[in-house]
Amino acid sequence: MALNRATFALMRSNVCRSIAARSLHHTFYLNTSTENVTHTGQAFNEGDYRAIRYVDRQKEVNQKFAIDLVAEEPPTEIDGRNVWCDGGGGALGHPKVYINLDEPGPQPCGYCGLRFVQKQHH
């Protein structure tokens, strides 16, 4: 289930009480307890038995969510109408996919989110 940036901001803001949001066949809950919320929305209410794993230690959450880091990367300008993306990490990347740039604006890779845009020729 893909969540947009506004949903992540709401999850991190801790301003609303347990809001349920329904998306097709999935339901996810936003929790506003004092603990940090992870990128997957994991947060436990008071008395939840799953919170036992944090009794003798602090819950560590990376505040740099991947969706925000990818959004900071500017779109790559391409001369042609098509581009391929393999994640750029060799064996650590993803399967090669071809992206059509005929539509206006940046076109994202479905695997890693990197954006590509066709260079405008005047």
PDB file of N, CA and C in Angstrom:
ATOM      1  N   MET A   1       0.853  -1.163   0.000  1.00  0.00           N
ATOM      2  CA  MET A   1       0.000   0.000   0.000  1.00  0.00           C
ATOM      3  C   MET A   1       0.900   1.226   0.000  1.00  0.00           C
ATOM      4  N   ALA A   2       0.704   2.095  -0.934  1.00  0.00           N
ATOM      5  CA  ALA A   2       1.522   3.293  -1.036  1.00  0.00           C
ATOM      6  C   ALA A   2       0.856   4.441  -0.291  1.00  0.00           C
ATOM      7  N   LEU A   3       1.640   5.118   0.513  1.00  0.00           N
ATOM      8  CA  LEU A   3       1.138   6.264   1.258  1.00  0.00           C
ATOM      9  C   LEU A   3       1.807   7.513   0.715  1.00  0.00           C
ATOM     10  N   ASN A   4       1.060   8.600   0.635  1.00  0.00           N
ATOM     11  CA  ASN A   4       1.644   9.816   0.091  1.00  0.00           C
ATOM     12  C   ASN A   4       2.334  10.639   1.180  1.00  0.00           C
ATOM     13  N   ARG A   5       3.014  11.702   0.773  1.00  0.00           N
ATOM     14  CA  ARG A   5       3.808  12.524   1.680  1.00  0.00           C
ATOM     15  C   ARG A   5       2.946  13.186   2.754  1.00  0.00           C
ATOM     16  N   ALA A   6       1.722  13.609   2.405  1.00  0.00           N
ATOM     17  CA  ALA A   6       0.845  14.243   3.385  1.00  0.00           C
ATOM     18  C   ALA A   6       0.492  13.267   4.504  1.00  0.00           C
ATOM     19  N   THR A   7       0.294  12.009   4.151  1.00  0.00           N
ATOM     20  CA  THR A   7      -0.021  11.001   5.162  1.00  0.00           C
ATOM     21  C   THR A   7       1.159  10.805   6.097  1.00  0.00           C
ATOM     22  N   PHE A   8       2.375  10.758   5.541  1.00  0.00           N
ATOM     23  CA  PHE A   8       3.561  10.617   6.380  1.00  0.00           C
ATOM     24  C   PHE A   8       3.711  11.820   7.314  1.00  0.00           C
ATOM     25  N   ALA A   9       3.448  13.019   6.805  1.00  0.00           N
ATOM     26  CA  ALA A   9       3.561  14.215   7.647  1.00  0.00           C
ATOM     27  C   ALA A   9       2.550  14.157   8.782  1.00  0.00           C
ATOM     28  N   LEU A  10       1.347  13.690   8.490  1.00  0.00           N
ATOM     29  CA  LEU A  10       0.332  13.567   9.519  1.00  0.00           C
ATOM     30  C   LEU A  10       0.735  12.530  10.553  1.00  0.00           C
ATOM     31  N   MET A  11       1.332  11.426  10.097  1.00  0.00           N
ATOM     32  CA  MET A  11       1.758  10.376  11.010  1.00  0.00           C
ATOM     33  C   MET A  11       2.835  10.892  11.953  1.00  0.00           C
ATOM     34  N   ARG A  12       3.734  11.735  11.448  1.00  0.00           N
ATOM     35  CA  ARG A  12       4.828  12.236  12.263  1.00  0.00           C
ATOM     36  C   ARG A  12       4.425  13.404  13.147  1.00  0.00           C
ATOM     37  N   SER A  13       3.329  14.072  12.842  1.00  0.00           N
ATOM     38  CA  SER A  13       2.983  15.284  13.570  1.00  0.00           C
ATOM     39  C   SER A  13       2.435  15.032  14.967  1.00  0.00           C
ATOM     40  N   ASN A  14       1.890  13.863  15.217  1.00  0.00           N
ATOM     41  CA  ASN A  14       1.333  13.511  16.530  1.00  0.00           C
ATOM     42  C   ASN A  14       0.304  14.519  17.018  1.00  0.00           C
ATOM     43  N   VAL A  15      -0.591  14.976  16.137  1.00  0.00           N
ATOM     44  CA  VAL A  15      -1.587  15.949  16.560  1.00  0.00           C
ATOM     45  C   VAL A  15      -2.994  15.393  16.645  1.00  0.00           C
ATOM     46  N   CYS A  16      -3.263  14.254  16.064  1.00  0.00           N
ATOM     47  CA  CYS A  16      -4.624  13.740  16.115  1.00  0.00           C
ATOM     48  C   CYS A  16      -4.653  12.408  16.847  1.00  0.00           C
ATOM     49  N   ARG A  17      -5.783  12.052  17.328  1.00  0.00           N
ATOM     50  CA  ARG A  17      -5.956  10.822  18.095  1.00  0.00           C
ATOM     51  C   ARG A  17      -6.366   9.704  17.161  1.00  0.00           C
ATOM     52  N   SER A  18      -5.747   8.574  17.261  1.00  0.00           N
ATOM     53  CA  SER A  18      -6.085   7.354  16.525  1.00  0.00           C
ATOM     54  C   SER A  18      -7.115   7.544  15.412  1.00  0.00           C
ATOM     55  N   ILE A  19      -6.647   7.967  14.270  1.00  0.00           N
ATOM     56  CA  ILE A  19      -7.518   8.167  13.116  1.00  0.00           C
ATOM     57  C   ILE A  19      -7.442   6.920  12.247  1.00  0.00           C
ATOM     58  N   ALA A  20      -8.567   6.422  11.833  1.00  0.00           N
ATOM     59  CA  ALA A  20      -8.591   5.271  10.934  1.00  0.00           C
ATOM     60  C   ALA A  20      -8.808   5.774   9.519  1.00  0.00           C
ATOM     61  N   ALA A  21      -7.981   5.326   8.598  1.00  0.00           N
ATOM     62  CA  ALA A  21      -8.132   5.703   7.201  1.00  0.00           C
ATOM     63  C   ALA A  21      -8.280   4.433   6.376  1.00  0.00           C
ATOM     64  N   ARG A  22      -9.198   4.427   5.457  1.00  0.00           N
ATOM     65  CA  ARG A  22      -9.460   3.233   4.650  1.00  0.00           C
ATOM     66  C   ARG A  22      -9.009   3.503   3.210  1.00  0.00           C
ATOM     67  N   SER A  23      -8.244   2.579   2.661  1.00  0.00           N
ATOM     68  CA  SER A  23      -7.770   2.667   1.296  1.00  0.00           C
ATOM     69  C   SER A  23      -8.014   1.333   0.620  1.00  0.00           C
ATOM     70  N   LEU A  24      -8.968   1.275  -0.255  1.00  0.00           N
ATOM     71  CA  LEU A  24      -9.385   0.043  -0.934  1.00  0.00           C
ATOM     72  C   LEU A  24      -9.676  -1.043   0.093  1.00  0.00           C
ATOM     73  N   HIS A  25      -8.841  -2.063   0.161  1.00  0.00           N
ATOM     74  CA  HIS A  25      -9.081  -3.169   1.076  1.00  0.00           C
ATOM     75  C   HIS A  25      -8.202  -3.105   2.317  1.00  0.00           C
ATOM     76  N   HIS A  26      -7.450  -2.028   2.477  1.00  0.00           N
ATOM     77  CA  HIS A  26      -6.527  -1.922   3.596  1.00  0.00           C
ATOM     78  C   HIS A  26      -6.986  -0.840   4.562  1.00  0.00           C
ATOM     79  N   THR A  27      -6.773  -1.050   5.825  1.00  0.00           N
ATOM     80  CA  THR A  27      -7.033  -0.042   6.832  1.00  0.00           C
ATOM     81  C   THR A  27      -5.753   0.159   7.621  1.00  0.00           C
ATOM     82  N   PHE A  28      -5.372   1.395   7.850  1.00  0.00           N
ATOM     83  CA  PHE A  28      -4.213   1.670   8.684  1.00  0.00           C
ATOM     84  C   PHE A  28      -4.625   2.698   9.718  1.00  0.00           C
ATOM     85  N   TYR A  29      -3.968   2.666  10.859  1.00  0.00           N
ATOM     86  CA  TYR A  29      -4.323   3.541  11.964  1.00  0.00           C
ATOM     87  C   TYR A  29      -3.158   4.464  12.289  1.00  0.00           C
ATOM     88  N   LEU A  30      -3.469   5.712  12.529  1.00  0.00           N
ATOM     89  CA  LEU A  30      -2.462   6.677  12.931  1.00  0.00           C
ATOM     90  C   LEU A  30      -2.561   6.835  14.439  1.00  0.00           C
ATOM     91  N   ASN A  31      -1.453   6.724  15.113  1.00  0.00           N
ATOM     92  CA  ASN A  31      -1.432   6.783  16.568  1.00  0.00           C
ATOM     93  C   ASN A  31      -0.669   8.029  16.985  1.00  0.00           C
ATOM     94  N   THR A  32      -1.127   8.675  18.034  1.00  0.00           N
ATOM     95  CA  THR A  32      -0.478   9.910  18.463  1.00  0.00           C
ATOM     96  C   THR A  32       0.098   9.784  19.863  1.00  0.00           C
ATOM     97  N   SER A  33       0.550   8.626  20.250  1.00  0.00           N
ATOM     98  CA  SER A  33       1.188   8.493  21.559  1.00  0.00           C
ATOM     99  C   SER A  33       2.519   9.228  21.530  1.00  0.00           C
ATOM    100  N   THR A  34       3.215   9.267  22.647  1.00  0.00           N
ATOM    101  CA  THR A  34       4.450  10.029  22.742  1.00  0.00           C
ATOM    102  C   THR A  34       5.623   9.359  22.048  1.00  0.00           C
ATOM    103  N   GLU A  35       5.478   8.113  21.643  1.00  0.00           N
ATOM    104  CA  GLU A  35       6.582   7.419  20.983  1.00  0.00           C
ATOM    105  C   GLU A  35       6.712   7.865  19.524  1.00  0.00           C
ATOM    106  N   ASN A  36       7.900   7.657  18.950  1.00  0.00           N
ATOM    107  CA  ASN A  36       8.125   7.984  17.552  1.00  0.00           C
ATOM    108  C   ASN A  36       7.420   6.976  16.660  1.00  0.00           C
ATOM    109  N   VAL A  37       6.876   7.452  15.553  1.00  0.00           N
ATOM    110  CA  VAL A  37       6.195   6.596  14.593  1.00  0.00           C
ATOM    111  C   VAL A  37       7.183   6.236  13.497  1.00  0.00           C
ATOM    112  N   THR A  38       7.229   4.963  13.118  1.00  0.00           N
ATOM    113  CA  THR A  38       8.141   4.515  12.072  1.00  0.00           C
ATOM    114  C   THR A  38       7.582   4.825  10.695  1.00  0.00           C
ATOM    115  N   HIS A  39       8.393   4.588   9.657  1.00  0.00           N
ATOM    116  CA  HIS A  39       7.952   4.843   8.285  1.00  0.00           C
ATOM    117  C   HIS A  39       6.789   3.948   7.881  1.00  0.00           C
ATOM    118  N   THR A  40       6.560   2.855   8.591  1.00  0.00           N
ATOM    119  CA  THR A  40       5.436   1.969   8.300  1.00  0.00           C
ATOM    120  C   THR A  40       4.219   2.299   9.144  1.00  0.00           C
ATOM    121  N   GLY A  41       4.319   3.311  10.001  1.00  0.00           N
ATOM    122  CA  GLY A  41       3.203   3.707  10.836  1.00  0.00           C
ATOM    123  C   GLY A  41       3.109   2.933  12.133  1.00  0.00           C
ATOM    124  N   GLN A  42       4.168   2.212  12.486  1.00  0.00           N
ATOM    125  CA  GLN A  42       4.136   1.392  13.699  1.00  0.00           C
ATOM    126  C   GLN A  42       4.184   2.267  14.940  1.00  0.00           C
ATOM    127  N   ALA A  43       3.156   2.155  15.742  1.00  0.00           N
ATOM    128  CA  ALA A  43       3.089   2.828  17.037  1.00  0.00           C
ATOM    129  C   ALA A  43       2.122   2.031  17.894  1.00  0.00           C
ATOM    130  N   PHE A  44       2.428   1.896  19.178  1.00  0.00           N
ATOM    131  CA  PHE A  44       1.612   1.070  20.054  1.00  0.00           C
ATOM    132  C   PHE A  44       0.890   1.928  21.079  1.00  0.00           C
ATOM    133  N   ASN A  45      -0.372   1.617  21.327  1.00  0.00           N
ATOM    134  CA  ASN A  45      -1.155   2.291  22.360  1.00  0.00           C
ATOM    135  C   ASN A  45      -0.697   1.820  23.726  1.00  0.00           C
ATOM    136  N   GLU A  46      -1.094   2.558  24.760  1.00  0.00           N
ATOM    137  CA  GLU A  46      -0.795   2.153  26.133  1.00  0.00           C
ATOM    138  C   GLU A  46      -1.402   0.777  26.387  1.00  0.00           C
ATOM    139  N   GLY A  47      -0.655  -0.111  26.990  1.00  0.00           N
ATOM    140  CA  GLY A  47      -1.158  -1.436  27.327  1.00  0.00           C
ATOM    141  C   GLY A  47      -1.097  -2.449  26.202  1.00  0.00           C
ATOM    142  N   ASP A  48      -0.613  -2.074  25.022  1.00  0.00           N
ATOM    143  CA  ASP A  48      -0.504  -3.025  23.911  1.00  0.00           C
ATOM    144  C   ASP A  48       0.617  -4.016  24.226  1.00  0.00           C
ATOM    145  N   TYR A  49       0.330  -5.305  24.146  1.00  0.00           N
ATOM    146  CA  TYR A  49       1.317  -6.320  24.504  1.00  0.00           C
ATOM    147  C   TYR A  49       2.548  -6.290  23.611  1.00  0.00           C
ATOM    148  N   ARG A  50       2.436  -5.757  22.392  1.00  0.00           N
ATOM    149  CA  ARG A  50       3.586  -5.713  21.478  1.00  0.00           C
ATOM    150  C   ARG A  50       4.632  -4.696  21.905  1.00  0.00           C
ATOM    151  N   ALA A  51       4.284  -3.759  22.782  1.00  0.00           N
ATOM    152  CA  ALA A  51       5.227  -2.748  23.245  1.00  0.00           C
ATOM    153  C   ALA A  51       6.222  -3.313  24.249  1.00  0.00           C
ATOM    154  N   ILE A  52       6.072  -4.565  24.640  1.00  0.00           N
ATOM    155  CA  ILE A  52       6.967  -5.195  25.618  1.00  0.00           C
ATOM    156  C   ILE A  52       8.414  -5.212  25.127  1.00  0.00           C
ATOM    157  N   ARG A  53       8.595  -5.209  23.812  1.00  0.00           N
ATOM    158  CA  ARG A  53       9.965  -5.242  23.265  1.00  0.00           C
ATOM    159  C   ARG A  53      10.751  -3.973  23.570  1.00  0.00           C
ATOM    160  N   TYR A  54      10.076  -2.894  24.004  1.00  0.00           N
ATOM    161  CA  TYR A  54      10.746  -1.633  24.303  1.00  0.00           C
ATOM    162  C   TYR A  54      10.779  -1.310  25.786  1.00  0.00           C
ATOM    163  N   VAL A  55      10.563  -2.281  26.644  1.00  0.00           N
ATOM    164  CA  VAL A  55      10.532  -2.032  28.082  1.00  0.00           C
ATOM    165  C   VAL A  55      11.897  -1.615  28.605  1.00  0.00           C
ATOM    166  N   ASP A  56      12.943  -2.299  28.206  1.00  0.00           N
ATOM    167  CA  ASP A  56      14.274  -2.007  28.749  1.00  0.00           C
ATOM    168  C   ASP A  56      15.167  -1.243  27.778  1.00  0.00           C
ATOM    169  N   ARG A  57      14.596  -0.734  26.701  1.00  0.00           N
ATOM    170  CA  ARG A  57      15.383   0.043  25.742  1.00  0.00           C
ATOM    171  C   ARG A  57      14.483   1.025  25.009  1.00  0.00           C
ATOM    172  N   GLN A  58      15.118   1.987  24.369  1.00  0.00           N
ATOM    173  CA  GLN A  58      14.385   3.021  23.652  1.00  0.00           C
ATOM    174  C   GLN A  58      14.119   2.569  22.221  1.00  0.00           C
ATOM    175  N   LYS A  59      12.971   2.924  21.689  1.00  0.00           N
ATOM    176  CA  LYS A  59      12.639   2.622  20.303  1.00  0.00           C
ATOM    177  C   LYS A  59      13.426   3.585  19.413  1.00  0.00           C
ATOM    178  N   GLU A  60      14.239   3.046  18.535  1.00  0.00           N
ATOM    179  CA  GLU A  60      15.056   3.875  17.654  1.00  0.00           C
ATOM    180  C   GLU A  60      14.383   3.973  16.297  1.00  0.00           C
ATOM    181  N   VAL A  61      14.143   5.199  15.849  1.00  0.00           N
ATOM    182  CA  VAL A  61      13.464   5.440  14.582  1.00  0.00           C
ATOM    183  C   VAL A  61      14.298   6.410  13.766  1.00  0.00           C
ATOM    184  N   ASN A  62      14.578   6.042  12.525  1.00  0.00           N
ATOM    185  CA  ASN A  62      15.283   6.929  11.618  1.00  0.00           C
ATOM    186  C   ASN A  62      14.292   7.960  11.094  1.00  0.00           C
ATOM    187  N   GLN A  63      14.561   9.242  11.348  1.00  0.00           N
ATOM    188  CA  GLN A  63      13.652  10.307  10.940  1.00  0.00           C
ATOM    189  C   GLN A  63      13.781  10.661   9.462  1.00  0.00           C
ATOM    190  N   LYS A  64      14.771  10.097   8.772  1.00  0.00           N
ATOM    191  CA  LYS A  64      14.947  10.365   7.346  1.00  0.00           C
ATOM    192  C   LYS A  64      14.262   9.246   6.561  1.00  0.00           C
ATOM    193  N   PHE A  65      12.964   9.407   6.289  1.00  0.00           N
ATOM    194  CA  PHE A  65      12.207   8.415   5.541  1.00  0.00           C
ATOM    195  C   PHE A  65      12.684   8.409   4.092  1.00  0.00           C
ATOM    196  N   ALA A  66      12.695   7.236   3.486  1.00  0.00           N
ATOM    197  CA  ALA A  66      13.171   7.090   2.112  1.00  0.00           C
ATOM    198  C   ALA A  66      12.386   7.949   1.137  1.00  0.00           C
ATOM    199  N   ILE A  67      11.077   8.067   1.333  1.00  0.00           N
ATOM    200  CA  ILE A  67      10.257   8.857   0.416  1.00  0.00           C
ATOM    201  C   ILE A  67      10.691  10.315   0.408  1.00  0.00           C
ATOM    202  N   ASP A  68      11.129  10.840   1.553  1.00  0.00           N
ATOM    203  CA  ASP A  68      11.603  12.222   1.627  1.00  0.00           C
ATOM    204  C   ASP A  68      12.968  12.371   0.976  1.00  0.00           C
ATOM    205  N   LEU A  69      13.853  11.391   1.168  1.00  0.00           N
ATOM    206  CA  LEU A  69      15.185  11.446   0.571  1.00  0.00           C
ATOM    207  C   LEU A  69      15.113  11.383  -0.955  1.00  0.00           C
ATOM    208  N   VAL A  70      14.226  10.548  -1.491  1.00  0.00           N
ATOM    209  CA  VAL A  70      14.067  10.454  -2.945  1.00  0.00           C
ATOM    210  C   VAL A  70      13.491  11.749  -3.491  1.00  0.00           C
ATOM    211  N   ALA A  71      12.572  12.375  -2.766  1.00  0.00           N
ATOM    212  CA  ALA A  71      11.959  13.636  -3.210  1.00  0.00           C
ATOM    213  C   ALA A  71      12.979  14.769  -3.270  1.00  0.00           C
ATOM    214  N   GLU A  72      14.035  14.708  -2.454  1.00  0.00           N
ATOM    215  CA  GLU A  72      15.079  15.736  -2.477  1.00  0.00           C
ATOM    216  C   GLU A  72      15.956  15.633  -3.715  1.00  0.00           C
ATOM    217  N   GLU A  73      16.020  14.457  -4.323  1.00  0.00           N
ATOM    218  CA  GLU A  73      16.850  14.242  -5.519  1.00  0.00           C
ATOM    219  C   GLU A  73      16.165  14.902  -6.721  1.00  0.00           C
ATOM    220  N   PRO A  74      16.857  15.832  -7.419  1.00  0.00           N
ATOM    221  CA  PRO A  74      16.221  16.491  -8.562  1.00  0.00           C
ATOM    222  C   PRO A  74      16.048  15.507  -9.729  1.00  0.00           C
ATOM    223  N   PRO A  75      15.031  15.724 -10.583  1.00  0.00           N
ATOM    224  CA  PRO A  75      14.838  14.840 -11.742  1.00  0.00           C
ATOM    225  C   PRO A  75      16.036  14.906 -12.687  1.00  0.00           C
ATOM    226  N   THR A  76      16.383  13.787 -13.274  1.00  0.00           N
ATOM    227  CA  THR A  76      17.481  13.711 -14.228  1.00  0.00           C
ATOM    228  C   THR A  76      16.960  14.059 -15.611  1.00  0.00           C
ATOM    229  N   GLU A  77      17.600  15.028 -16.284  1.00  0.00           N
ATOM    230  CA  GLU A  77      17.188  15.418 -17.633  1.00  0.00           C
ATOM    231  C   GLU A  77      17.785  14.459 -18.651  1.00  0.00           C
ATOM    232  N   ILE A  78      16.932  13.997 -19.580  1.00  0.00           N
ATOM    233  CA  ILE A  78      17.319  13.018 -20.593  1.00  0.00           C
ATOM    234  C   ILE A  78      17.056  13.619 -21.968  1.00  0.00           C
ATOM    235  N   ASP A  79      17.989  13.384 -22.928  1.00  0.00           N
ATOM    236  CA  ASP A  79      17.821  13.906 -24.285  1.00  0.00           C
ATOM    237  C   ASP A  79      16.771  13.136 -25.076  1.00  0.00           C
ATOM    238  N   GLY A  80      16.658  11.840 -24.863  1.00  0.00           N
ATOM    239  CA  GLY A  80      15.750  11.012 -25.663  1.00  0.00           C
ATOM    240  C   GLY A  80      14.344  10.942 -25.110  1.00  0.00           C
ATOM    241  N   ARG A  81      13.540  10.053 -25.721  1.00  0.00           N
ATOM    242  CA  ARG A  81      12.152   9.864 -25.306  1.00  0.00           C
ATOM    243  C   ARG A  81      11.998   8.722 -24.318  1.00  0.00           C
ATOM    244  N   ASN A  82      13.027   7.876 -24.187  1.00  0.00           N
ATOM    245  CA  ASN A  82      12.985   6.729 -23.285  1.00  0.00           C
ATOM    246  C   ASN A  82      14.245   6.699 -22.439  1.00  0.00           C
ATOM    247  N   VAL A  83      14.129   6.118 -21.264  1.00  0.00           N
ATOM    248  CA  VAL A  83      15.272   5.955 -20.377  1.00  0.00           C
ATOM    249  C   VAL A  83      15.071   4.651 -19.627  1.00  0.00           C
ATOM    250  N   TRP A  84      16.166   4.045 -19.197  1.00  0.00           N
ATOM    251  CA  TRP A  84      16.029   2.854 -18.352  1.00  0.00           C
ATOM    252  C   TRP A  84      16.636   3.137 -16.993  1.00  0.00           C
ATOM    253  N   CYS A  85      16.118   2.446 -15.996  1.00  0.00           N
ATOM    254  CA  CYS A  85      16.604   2.600 -14.627  1.00  0.00           C
ATOM    255  C   CYS A  85      16.796   1.210 -14.038  1.00  0.00           C
ATOM    256  N   ASP A  86      17.943   1.018 -13.392  1.00  0.00           N
ATOM    257  CA  ASP A  86      18.200  -0.259 -12.710  1.00  0.00           C
ATOM    258  C   ASP A  86      18.555  -0.033 -11.235  1.00  0.00           C
ATOM    259  N   GLY A  87      18.277   1.152 -10.742  1.00  0.00           N
ATOM    260  CA  GLY A  87      18.576   1.467  -9.350  1.00  0.00           C
ATOM    261  C   GLY A  87      19.995   1.931  -9.128  1.00  0.00           C
ATOM    262  N   GLY A  88      20.863   1.723 -10.092  1.00  0.00           N
ATOM    263  CA  GLY A  88      22.223   2.220 -10.022  1.00  0.00           C
ATOM    264  C   GLY A  88      23.134   1.560  -9.024  1.00  0.00           C
ATOM    265  N   GLY A  89      22.741   0.467  -8.450  1.00  0.00           N
ATOM    266  CA  GLY A  89      23.584  -0.141  -7.432  1.00  0.00           C
ATOM    267  C   GLY A  89      24.162  -1.484  -7.839  1.00  0.00           C
ATOM    268  N   GLY A  90      24.183  -1.792  -9.136  1.00  0.00           N
ATOM    269  CA  GLY A  90      24.669  -3.105  -9.549  1.00  0.00           C
ATOM    270  C   GLY A  90      23.796  -4.189  -8.963  1.00  0.00           C
ATOM    271  N   ALA A  91      24.395  -5.089  -8.196  1.00  0.00           N
ATOM    272  CA  ALA A  91      23.637  -6.168  -7.578  1.00  0.00           C
ATOM    273  C   ALA A  91      22.685  -5.652  -6.495  1.00  0.00           C
ATOM    274  N   LEU A  92      22.913  -4.452  -5.991  1.00  0.00           N
ATOM    275  CA  LEU A  92      22.049  -3.879  -4.960  1.00  0.00           C
ATOM    276  C   LEU A  92      20.908  -3.051  -5.550  1.00  0.00           C
ATOM    277  N   GLY A  93      20.826  -2.974  -6.870  1.00  0.00           N
ATOM    278  CA  GLY A  93      19.783  -2.193  -7.525  1.00  0.00           C
ATOM    279  C   GLY A  93      18.488  -2.969  -7.635  1.00  0.00           C
ATOM    280  N   HIS A  94      17.798  -2.771  -8.757  1.00  0.00           N
ATOM    281  CA  HIS A  94      16.541  -3.479  -9.007  1.00  0.00           C
ATOM    282  C   HIS A  94      16.506  -3.897 -10.470  1.00  0.00           C
ATOM    283  N   PRO A  95      15.524  -4.690 -10.889  1.00  0.00           N
ATOM    284  CA  PRO A  95      15.453  -5.076 -12.303  1.00  0.00           C
ATOM    285  C   PRO A  95      15.362  -3.847 -13.203  1.00  0.00           C
ATOM    286  N   LYS A  96      15.964  -3.950 -14.373  1.00  0.00           N
ATOM    287  CA  LYS A  96      15.965  -2.834 -15.312  1.00  0.00           C
ATOM    288  C   LYS A  96      14.552  -2.611 -15.841  1.00  0.00           C
ATOM    289  N   VAL A  97      14.094  -1.362 -15.773  1.00  0.00           N
ATOM    290  CA  VAL A  97      12.790  -0.986 -16.308  1.00  0.00           C
ATOM    291  C   VAL A  97      12.982   0.183 -17.267  1.00  0.00           C
ATOM    292  N   TYR A  98      12.149   0.211 -18.302  1.00  0.00           N
ATOM    293  CA  TYR A  98      12.197   1.283 -19.285  1.00  0.00           C
ATOM    294  C   TYR A  98      11.066   2.258 -19.002  1.00  0.00           C
ATOM    295  N   ILE A  99      11.385   3.545 -19.060  1.00  0.00           N
ATOM    296  CA  ILE A  99      10.428   4.594 -18.724  1.00  0.00           C
ATOM    297  C   ILE A  99      10.239   5.488 -19.942  1.00  0.00           C
ATOM    298  N   ASN A 100       8.978   5.668 -20.359  1.00  0.00           N
ATOM    299  CA  ASN A 100       8.630   6.516 -21.485  1.00  0.00           C
ATOM    300  C   ASN A 100       8.497   7.950 -20.988  1.00  0.00           C
ATOM    301  N   LEU A 101       9.165   8.887 -21.656  1.00  0.00           N
ATOM    302  CA  LEU A 101       9.169  10.285 -21.229  1.00  0.00           C
ATOM    303  C   LEU A 101       8.307  11.181 -22.113  1.00  0.00           C
ATOM    304  N   ASP A 102       7.384  10.592 -22.896  1.00  0.00           N
ATOM    305  CA  ASP A 102       6.542  11.397 -23.782  1.00  0.00           C
ATOM    306  C   ASP A 102       5.575  12.287 -23.015  1.00  0.00           C
ATOM    307  N   GLU A 103       5.122  11.871 -21.854  1.00  0.00           N
ATOM    308  CA  GLU A 103       4.215  12.681 -21.043  1.00  0.00           C
ATOM    309  C   GLU A 103       4.988  13.870 -20.459  1.00  0.00           C
ATOM    310  N   PRO A 104       4.347  15.028 -20.326  1.00  0.00           N
ATOM    311  CA  PRO A 104       5.054  16.182 -19.735  1.00  0.00           C
ATOM    312  C   PRO A 104       5.308  15.974 -18.246  1.00  0.00           C
ATOM    313  N   GLY A 105       6.386  16.564 -17.771  1.00  0.00           N
ATOM    314  CA  GLY A 105       6.724  16.490 -16.348  1.00  0.00           C
ATOM    315  C   GLY A 105       7.590  15.291 -16.025  1.00  0.00           C
ATOM    316  N   PRO A 106       8.066  15.234 -14.795  1.00  0.00           N
ATOM    317  CA  PRO A 106       8.933  14.131 -14.366  1.00  0.00           C
ATOM    318  C   PRO A 106       8.177  12.803 -14.321  1.00  0.00           C
ATOM    319  N   GLN A 107       8.843  11.737 -14.746  1.00  0.00           N
ATOM    320  CA  GLN A 107       8.280  10.387 -14.719  1.00  0.00           C
ATOM    321  C   GLN A 107       9.107   9.555 -13.738  1.00  0.00           C
ATOM    322  N   PRO A 108       8.481   9.001 -12.692  1.00  0.00           N
ATOM    323  CA  PRO A 108       9.238   8.259 -11.683  1.00  0.00           C
ATOM    324  C   PRO A 108       9.458   6.801 -12.062  1.00  0.00           C
ATOM    325  N   CYS A 109      10.528   6.226 -11.538  1.00  0.00           N
ATOM    326  CA  CYS A 109      10.769   4.793 -11.646  1.00  0.00           C
ATOM    327  C   CYS A 109       9.844   4.112 -10.643  1.00  0.00           C
ATOM    328  N   GLY A 110       9.202   3.058 -11.072  1.00  0.00           N
ATOM    329  CA  GLY A 110       8.272   2.355 -10.205  1.00  0.00           C
ATOM    330  C   GLY A 110       8.929   1.612  -9.071  1.00  0.00           C
ATOM    331  N   TYR A 111      10.224   1.311  -9.187  1.00  0.00           N
ATOM    332  CA  TYR A 111      10.934   0.590  -8.130  1.00  0.00           C
ATOM    333  C   TYR A 111      11.545   1.531  -7.097  1.00  0.00           C
ATOM    334  N   CYS A 112      12.380   2.463  -7.551  1.00  0.00           N
ATOM    335  CA  CYS A 112      13.155   3.266  -6.603  1.00  0.00           C
ATOM    336  C   CYS A 112      12.663   4.696  -6.456  1.00  0.00           C
ATOM    337  N   GLY A 113      11.777   5.154  -7.336  1.00  0.00           N
ATOM    338  CA  GLY A 113      11.218   6.492  -7.211  1.00  0.00           C
ATOM    339  C   GLY A 113      12.043   7.593  -7.852  1.00  0.00           C
ATOM    340  N   LEU A 114      13.224   7.262  -8.394  1.00  0.00           N
ATOM    341  CA  LEU A 114      14.002   8.298  -9.079  1.00  0.00           C
ATOM    342  C   LEU A 114      13.182   8.850 -10.234  1.00  0.00           C
ATOM    343  N   ARG A 115      13.311  10.158 -10.469  1.00  0.00           N
ATOM    344  CA  ARG A 115      12.499  10.806 -11.492  1.00  0.00           C
ATOM    345  C   ARG A 115      13.355  11.202 -12.680  1.00  0.00           C
ATOM    346  N   PHE A 116      12.766  11.090 -13.850  1.00  0.00           N
ATOM    347  CA  PHE A 116      13.423  11.450 -15.107  1.00  0.00           C
ATOM    348  C   PHE A 116      12.498  12.383 -15.874  1.00  0.00           C
ATOM    349  N   VAL A 117      13.078  13.352 -16.580  1.00  0.00           N
ATOM    350  CA  VAL A 117      12.292  14.295 -17.363  1.00  0.00           C
ATOM    351  C   VAL A 117      12.996  14.493 -18.700  1.00  0.00           C
ATOM    352  N   GLN A 118      12.204  14.640 -19.768  1.00  0.00           N
ATOM    353  CA  GLN A 118      12.765  14.851 -21.095  1.00  0.00           C
ATOM    354  C   GLN A 118      13.246  16.292 -21.204  1.00  0.00           C
ATOM    355  N   LYS A 119      14.488  16.455 -21.676  1.00  0.00           N
ATOM    356  CA  LYS A 119      15.076  17.785 -21.825  1.00  0.00           C
ATOM    357  C   LYS A 119      14.318  18.532 -22.924  1.00  0.00           C
ATOM    358  N   GLN A 120      13.915  19.754 -22.622  1.00  0.00           N
ATOM    359  CA  GLN A 120      13.175  20.553 -23.593  1.00  0.00           C
ATOM    360  C   GLN A 120      14.122  21.135 -24.643  1.00  0.00           C
ATOM    361  N   HIS A 121      13.814  20.893 -25.919  1.00  0.00           N
ATOM    362  CA  HIS A 121      14.627  21.426 -27.008  1.00  0.00           C
ATOM    363  C   HIS A 121      13.885  22.599 -27.635  1.00  0.00           C
ATOM    364  N   HIS A 122      14.559  23.742 -27.730  1.00  0.00           N
ATOM    365  CA  HIS A 122      13.907  24.946 -28.277  1.00  0.00           C
ATOM    366  C   HIS A 122      14.410  25.228 -29.640  1.00  0.00           C
TER     367      HIS A 122
END
